[in-house]
């Protein structure tokens, strides 16, 4: 069982920046992803980072978001720049891929609201 606690969300104007943090009970040897769910939409993977540092970004995040991890602190970060209204969502971290274990690991998430 892995526990995730997300923080750092808030209200920001379009074009602004936010840095999200994800504190985990442990992330050793795990690929961790940042996911988001906007109202009325399904949850989507935004970015992920492996234990070795390999990184993947969704098309919407590429060039604007930066994922990083501090293994010593069991923490994963998501730096979000040039935010757009369509980035408004609840952001979560979890293992990647989700299935089969990650369904039980979802935290509360952190709300990001971008005003246009």
N, C-alpha and C. Protein backbone atom coordinates (compact mmCIF):
# COMPACT_ATOMS: atom_id res chain seq x y z
N UNK A 1 0.85 -1.19 0.00
CA UNK A 1 0.00 0.00 0.00
C UNK A 1 0.89 1.24 0.00
N UNK A 2 0.58 2.17 -0.92
CA UNK A 2 1.31 3.43 -0.99
C UNK A 2 0.31 4.55 -0.72
N UNK A 3 0.71 5.50 0.08
CA UNK A 3 -0.14 6.65 0.37
C UNK A 3 0.44 7.89 -0.29
N UNK A 4 -0.44 8.66 -0.91
CA UNK A 4 -0.04 9.89 -1.59
C UNK A 4 -0.80 11.07 -1.00
N UNK A 5 -0.09 12.17 -0.79
CA UNK A 5 -0.71 13.41 -0.33
C UNK A 5 -0.26 14.54 -1.26
N UNK A 6 -1.21 15.09 -1.98
CA UNK A 6 -0.92 16.15 -2.94
C UNK A 6 -1.14 17.52 -2.31
N UNK A 7 -0.35 18.49 -2.75
CA UNK A 7 -0.50 19.86 -2.26
C UNK A 7 0.02 20.84 -3.30
N UNK A 8 -0.26 22.10 -3.09
CA UNK A 8 0.28 23.13 -3.94
C UNK A 8 -0.68 23.73 -4.94
N UNK A 9 -1.89 23.20 -5.00
CA UNK A 9 -2.86 23.76 -5.93
C UNK A 9 -3.37 25.11 -5.47
N UNK A 10 -4.17 25.71 -6.32
CA UNK A 10 -4.72 27.01 -5.98
C UNK A 10 -5.37 27.67 -7.18
N UNK A 11 -5.68 28.94 -7.01
CA UNK A 11 -6.28 29.74 -8.06
C UNK A 11 -5.20 30.63 -8.67
N UNK A 12 -5.07 30.57 -9.98
CA UNK A 12 -4.04 31.35 -10.66
C UNK A 12 -4.62 31.89 -11.97
N UNK A 13 -4.12 33.01 -12.40
CA UNK A 13 -4.56 33.57 -13.68
C UNK A 13 -3.89 32.84 -14.84
N UNK A 14 -4.54 32.85 -15.96
CA UNK A 14 -3.96 32.25 -17.16
C UNK A 14 -2.58 32.87 -17.42
N UNK A 15 -1.64 32.00 -17.76
CA UNK A 15 -0.27 32.44 -17.98
C UNK A 15 0.60 32.32 -16.74
N UNK A 16 -0.02 32.07 -15.61
CA UNK A 16 0.72 31.95 -14.36
C UNK A 16 1.31 30.58 -14.15
N UNK A 17 1.89 30.39 -12.97
CA UNK A 17 2.58 29.15 -12.65
C UNK A 17 2.16 28.62 -11.29
N UNK A 18 2.28 27.32 -11.14
CA UNK A 18 2.08 26.66 -9.86
C UNK A 18 3.06 25.50 -9.76
N UNK A 19 3.44 25.17 -8.55
CA UNK A 19 4.27 24.00 -8.32
C UNK A 19 3.53 23.05 -7.38
N UNK A 20 3.21 21.89 -7.88
CA UNK A 20 2.53 20.89 -7.09
C UNK A 20 3.55 19.95 -6.45
N UNK A 21 3.21 19.48 -5.26
CA UNK A 21 4.05 18.51 -4.57
C UNK A 21 3.23 17.28 -4.22
N UNK A 22 3.88 16.15 -4.26
CA UNK A 22 3.23 14.90 -3.91
C UNK A 22 4.14 14.18 -2.91
N UNK A 23 3.67 14.07 -1.70
CA UNK A 23 4.41 13.35 -0.67
C UNK A 23 3.89 11.92 -0.62
N UNK A 24 4.80 10.97 -0.77
CA UNK A 24 4.41 9.57 -0.81
C UNK A 24 5.02 8.80 0.36
N UNK A 25 4.36 7.71 0.71
CA UNK A 25 4.90 6.87 1.80
C UNK A 25 6.19 6.21 1.34
N UNK A 26 6.26 5.87 0.08
CA UNK A 26 7.51 5.38 -0.49
C UNK A 26 7.36 5.29 -2.01
N UNK A 27 8.46 5.60 -2.70
CA UNK A 27 8.41 5.61 -4.17
C UNK A 27 9.56 4.82 -4.79
N UNK A 28 10.27 4.09 -3.95
CA UNK A 28 11.43 3.35 -4.44
C UNK A 28 11.06 2.40 -5.57
N UNK A 29 11.80 2.49 -6.65
CA UNK A 29 11.64 1.62 -7.82
C UNK A 29 10.29 1.78 -8.51
N UNK A 30 9.57 2.82 -8.20
CA UNK A 30 8.26 3.01 -8.79
C UNK A 30 8.25 4.16 -9.79
N UNK A 31 7.54 3.98 -10.89
CA UNK A 31 7.23 5.07 -11.78
C UNK A 31 6.00 5.78 -11.23
N UNK A 32 6.12 7.10 -11.05
CA UNK A 32 5.05 7.89 -10.46
C UNK A 32 4.54 8.88 -11.50
N UNK A 33 3.23 9.00 -11.55
CA UNK A 33 2.62 9.92 -12.49
C UNK A 33 1.79 10.98 -11.81
N UNK A 34 1.67 12.11 -12.48
CA UNK A 34 0.70 13.12 -12.11
C UNK A 34 -0.50 12.95 -13.05
N UNK A 35 -1.67 12.87 -12.47
CA UNK A 35 -2.91 12.72 -13.21
C UNK A 35 -3.80 13.92 -12.90
N UNK A 36 -4.77 14.14 -13.76
CA UNK A 36 -5.74 15.19 -13.47
C UNK A 36 -7.11 14.78 -13.96
N UNK A 37 -8.11 15.33 -13.29
CA UNK A 37 -9.49 15.09 -13.69
C UNK A 37 -10.26 16.39 -13.66
N UNK A 38 -10.68 16.80 -14.83
CA UNK A 38 -11.49 18.00 -14.96
C UNK A 38 -12.97 17.64 -14.82
N UNK A 39 -13.81 18.59 -14.45
CA UNK A 39 -15.23 18.32 -14.30
C UNK A 39 -15.84 17.71 -15.56
N UNK A 40 -16.53 16.60 -15.38
CA UNK A 40 -17.18 15.96 -16.51
C UNK A 40 -16.28 15.17 -17.42
N UNK A 41 -15.01 15.06 -17.06
CA UNK A 41 -14.06 14.34 -17.91
C UNK A 41 -13.41 13.20 -17.13
N UNK A 42 -12.86 12.26 -17.85
CA UNK A 42 -12.18 11.14 -17.20
C UNK A 42 -10.79 11.57 -16.76
N UNK A 43 -10.24 10.83 -15.86
CA UNK A 43 -8.91 11.13 -15.35
C UNK A 43 -7.87 10.83 -16.43
N UNK A 44 -6.87 11.70 -16.55
CA UNK A 44 -5.84 11.51 -17.56
C UNK A 44 -4.46 11.66 -16.95
N UNK A 45 -3.52 10.96 -17.55
CA UNK A 45 -2.11 11.04 -17.12
C UNK A 45 -1.48 12.27 -17.78
N UNK A 46 -0.88 13.10 -16.96
CA UNK A 46 -0.28 14.34 -17.45
C UNK A 46 1.22 14.16 -17.66
N UNK A 47 1.88 13.52 -16.71
CA UNK A 47 3.32 13.32 -16.78
C UNK A 47 3.69 12.18 -15.85
N UNK A 48 4.78 11.51 -16.15
CA UNK A 48 5.26 10.46 -15.26
C UNK A 48 6.78 10.44 -15.28
N UNK A 49 7.33 9.91 -14.20
CA UNK A 49 8.79 9.83 -14.07
C UNK A 49 9.14 8.50 -13.43
N UNK A 50 10.08 7.80 -14.04
CA UNK A 50 10.48 6.50 -13.53
C UNK A 50 11.52 6.66 -12.42
N UNK A 51 11.83 5.57 -11.76
CA UNK A 51 12.84 5.61 -10.71
C UNK A 51 14.21 5.97 -11.28
N UNK A 52 14.41 5.68 -12.55
CA UNK A 52 15.68 6.01 -13.19
C UNK A 52 15.70 7.38 -13.84
N UNK A 53 14.57 8.08 -13.76
CA UNK A 53 14.54 9.44 -14.28
C UNK A 53 13.96 9.59 -15.68
N UNK A 54 13.47 8.51 -16.27
CA UNK A 54 12.83 8.63 -17.58
C UNK A 54 11.49 9.34 -17.41
N UNK A 55 11.21 10.26 -18.33
CA UNK A 55 10.06 11.14 -18.20
C UNK A 55 9.17 11.05 -19.42
N UNK A 56 7.89 11.10 -19.16
CA UNK A 56 6.88 11.15 -20.22
C UNK A 56 5.93 12.29 -19.93
N UNK A 57 5.57 13.03 -20.98
CA UNK A 57 4.57 14.10 -20.86
C UNK A 57 3.44 13.86 -21.84
N UNK A 58 2.24 14.22 -21.42
CA UNK A 58 1.14 14.23 -22.37
C UNK A 58 1.35 15.38 -23.35
N UNK A 59 0.63 15.32 -24.43
CA UNK A 59 0.78 16.36 -25.45
C UNK A 59 0.41 17.73 -24.88
N UNK A 60 -0.58 17.76 -24.00
CA UNK A 60 -1.01 19.04 -23.44
C UNK A 60 -0.01 19.61 -22.45
N UNK A 61 0.80 18.77 -21.85
CA UNK A 61 1.76 19.22 -20.84
C UNK A 61 3.14 19.52 -21.43
N UNK A 62 3.44 18.95 -22.55
CA UNK A 62 4.77 19.06 -23.14
C UNK A 62 5.14 20.52 -23.40
N UNK A 63 6.28 20.90 -22.87
CA UNK A 63 6.77 22.25 -23.07
C UNK A 63 6.33 23.25 -22.01
N UNK A 64 5.35 22.85 -21.19
CA UNK A 64 4.85 23.76 -20.16
C UNK A 64 5.05 23.21 -18.75
N UNK A 65 4.96 21.90 -18.61
CA UNK A 65 5.06 21.27 -17.29
C UNK A 65 6.39 20.54 -17.16
N UNK A 66 6.90 20.49 -15.93
CA UNK A 66 8.13 19.75 -15.65
C UNK A 66 7.91 18.88 -14.42
N UNK A 67 8.12 17.59 -14.59
CA UNK A 67 8.00 16.67 -13.47
C UNK A 67 9.39 16.34 -12.94
N UNK A 68 9.48 16.19 -11.64
CA UNK A 68 10.76 15.82 -11.02
C UNK A 68 10.48 15.02 -9.76
N UNK A 69 11.53 14.39 -9.24
CA UNK A 69 11.35 13.59 -8.04
C UNK A 69 12.57 13.72 -7.14
N UNK A 70 12.31 13.63 -5.85
CA UNK A 70 13.37 13.61 -4.85
C UNK A 70 13.19 12.29 -4.10
N UNK A 71 13.96 11.29 -4.46
CA UNK A 71 13.78 9.97 -3.89
C UNK A 71 14.07 9.96 -2.39
N UNK A 72 15.00 10.78 -1.95
CA UNK A 72 15.34 10.82 -0.53
C UNK A 72 14.16 11.34 0.30
N UNK A 73 13.35 12.20 -0.30
CA UNK A 73 12.21 12.77 0.40
C UNK A 73 10.90 12.09 0.03
N UNK A 74 10.97 11.09 -0.85
CA UNK A 74 9.74 10.42 -1.33
C UNK A 74 8.73 11.44 -1.84
N UNK A 75 9.21 12.38 -2.61
CA UNK A 75 8.37 13.47 -3.09
C UNK A 75 8.51 13.64 -4.59
N UNK A 76 7.40 13.90 -5.22
CA UNK A 76 7.37 14.15 -6.67
C UNK A 76 6.76 15.54 -6.87
N UNK A 77 7.32 16.27 -7.81
CA UNK A 77 6.89 17.64 -8.07
C UNK A 77 6.36 17.77 -9.49
N UNK A 78 5.49 18.74 -9.66
CA UNK A 78 5.05 19.11 -11.00
C UNK A 78 5.05 20.63 -11.09
N UNK A 79 6.01 21.14 -11.82
CA UNK A 79 6.09 22.58 -12.08
C UNK A 79 5.23 22.87 -13.31
N UNK A 80 4.26 23.73 -13.14
CA UNK A 80 3.35 24.05 -14.24
C UNK A 80 3.47 25.52 -14.59
N UNK A 81 3.87 25.79 -15.81
CA UNK A 81 4.02 27.15 -16.31
C UNK A 81 3.04 27.41 -17.45
N UNK A 82 2.86 28.67 -17.75
CA UNK A 82 1.97 29.07 -18.86
C UNK A 82 0.62 28.38 -18.75
N UNK A 83 0.06 28.44 -17.58
CA UNK A 83 -1.19 27.73 -17.33
C UNK A 83 -2.33 28.29 -18.17
N UNK A 84 -3.22 27.38 -18.56
CA UNK A 84 -4.38 27.73 -19.37
C UNK A 84 -5.66 27.34 -18.62
N UNK A 85 -6.76 27.91 -19.03
CA UNK A 85 -8.04 27.60 -18.39
C UNK A 85 -8.33 26.10 -18.46
N UNK A 86 -7.92 25.47 -19.55
CA UNK A 86 -8.18 24.04 -19.72
C UNK A 86 -7.32 23.16 -18.82
N UNK A 87 -6.39 23.77 -18.08
CA UNK A 87 -5.62 23.01 -17.09
C UNK A 87 -6.38 22.88 -15.77
N UNK A 88 -7.49 23.57 -15.65
CA UNK A 88 -8.29 23.50 -14.45
C UNK A 88 -8.76 22.06 -14.21
N UNK A 89 -8.43 21.54 -13.04
CA UNK A 89 -8.74 20.14 -12.72
C UNK A 89 -8.27 19.86 -11.30
N UNK A 90 -8.65 18.70 -10.81
CA UNK A 90 -8.05 18.17 -9.58
C UNK A 90 -6.86 17.32 -10.01
N UNK A 91 -5.72 17.57 -9.42
CA UNK A 91 -4.48 16.88 -9.77
C UNK A 91 -4.14 15.85 -8.70
N UNK A 92 -3.79 14.67 -9.15
CA UNK A 92 -3.45 13.55 -8.28
C UNK A 92 -2.10 12.97 -8.69
N UNK A 93 -1.46 12.32 -7.75
CA UNK A 93 -0.30 11.51 -8.11
C UNK A 93 -0.62 10.06 -7.76
N UNK A 94 0.03 9.18 -8.48
CA UNK A 94 -0.19 7.75 -8.28
C UNK A 94 0.87 7.01 -9.07
N UNK A 95 0.91 5.72 -8.89
CA UNK A 95 1.86 4.93 -9.65
C UNK A 95 1.42 4.90 -11.12
N UNK A 96 2.35 4.60 -11.99
CA UNK A 96 2.08 4.48 -13.42
C UNK A 96 2.68 3.17 -13.90
N UNK A 97 1.91 2.26 -14.44
CA UNK A 97 0.47 2.35 -14.68
C UNK A 97 -0.35 2.17 -13.41
N UNK A 98 -1.60 2.57 -13.49
CA UNK A 98 -2.48 2.48 -12.33
C UNK A 98 -2.81 1.05 -11.97
N UNK A 99 -3.16 0.29 -12.98
CA UNK A 99 -3.63 -1.07 -12.75
C UNK A 99 -2.46 -2.02 -12.53
N UNK A 100 -2.59 -2.98 -11.62
CA UNK A 100 -3.79 -3.27 -10.85
C UNK A 100 -3.79 -2.68 -9.44
N UNK A 101 -2.64 -2.22 -8.94
CA UNK A 101 -2.58 -1.83 -7.53
C UNK A 101 -3.02 -0.39 -7.26
N UNK A 102 -2.83 0.48 -8.22
CA UNK A 102 -3.01 1.90 -7.97
C UNK A 102 -4.43 2.34 -7.69
N UNK A 103 -5.39 1.50 -8.04
CA UNK A 103 -6.78 1.86 -7.77
C UNK A 103 -7.02 2.11 -6.28
N UNK A 104 -6.22 1.51 -5.45
CA UNK A 104 -6.38 1.66 -4.00
C UNK A 104 -5.53 2.79 -3.42
N UNK A 105 -4.75 3.46 -4.25
CA UNK A 105 -3.78 4.44 -3.75
C UNK A 105 -4.19 5.90 -3.91
N UNK A 106 -5.33 6.15 -4.54
CA UNK A 106 -5.68 7.54 -4.81
C UNK A 106 -5.80 8.35 -3.55
N UNK A 107 -5.21 9.56 -3.56
CA UNK A 107 -5.34 10.49 -2.48
C UNK A 107 -6.47 11.47 -2.74
N UNK A 108 -6.45 12.57 -2.01
CA UNK A 108 -7.52 13.56 -2.13
C UNK A 108 -7.31 14.48 -3.33
N UNK A 109 -6.09 14.57 -3.79
CA UNK A 109 -5.80 15.46 -4.90
C UNK A 109 -5.68 16.90 -4.45
N UNK A 110 -5.28 17.74 -5.38
CA UNK A 110 -5.19 19.17 -5.11
C UNK A 110 -5.83 19.93 -6.27
N UNK A 111 -6.68 20.88 -5.95
CA UNK A 111 -7.44 21.60 -6.97
C UNK A 111 -6.60 22.69 -7.60
N UNK A 112 -6.57 22.70 -8.90
CA UNK A 112 -5.93 23.77 -9.67
C UNK A 112 -7.03 24.46 -10.48
N UNK A 113 -7.15 25.75 -10.29
CA UNK A 113 -8.14 26.52 -11.02
C UNK A 113 -7.42 27.66 -11.73
N UNK A 114 -7.58 27.71 -13.03
CA UNK A 114 -6.94 28.75 -13.84
C UNK A 114 -8.02 29.65 -14.39
N UNK A 115 -7.95 30.90 -14.03
CA UNK A 115 -8.95 31.86 -14.51
C UNK A 115 -8.47 32.51 -15.79
N UNK A 116 -9.40 32.67 -16.71
CA UNK A 116 -9.03 33.25 -18.01
C UNK A 116 -9.32 34.74 -18.06
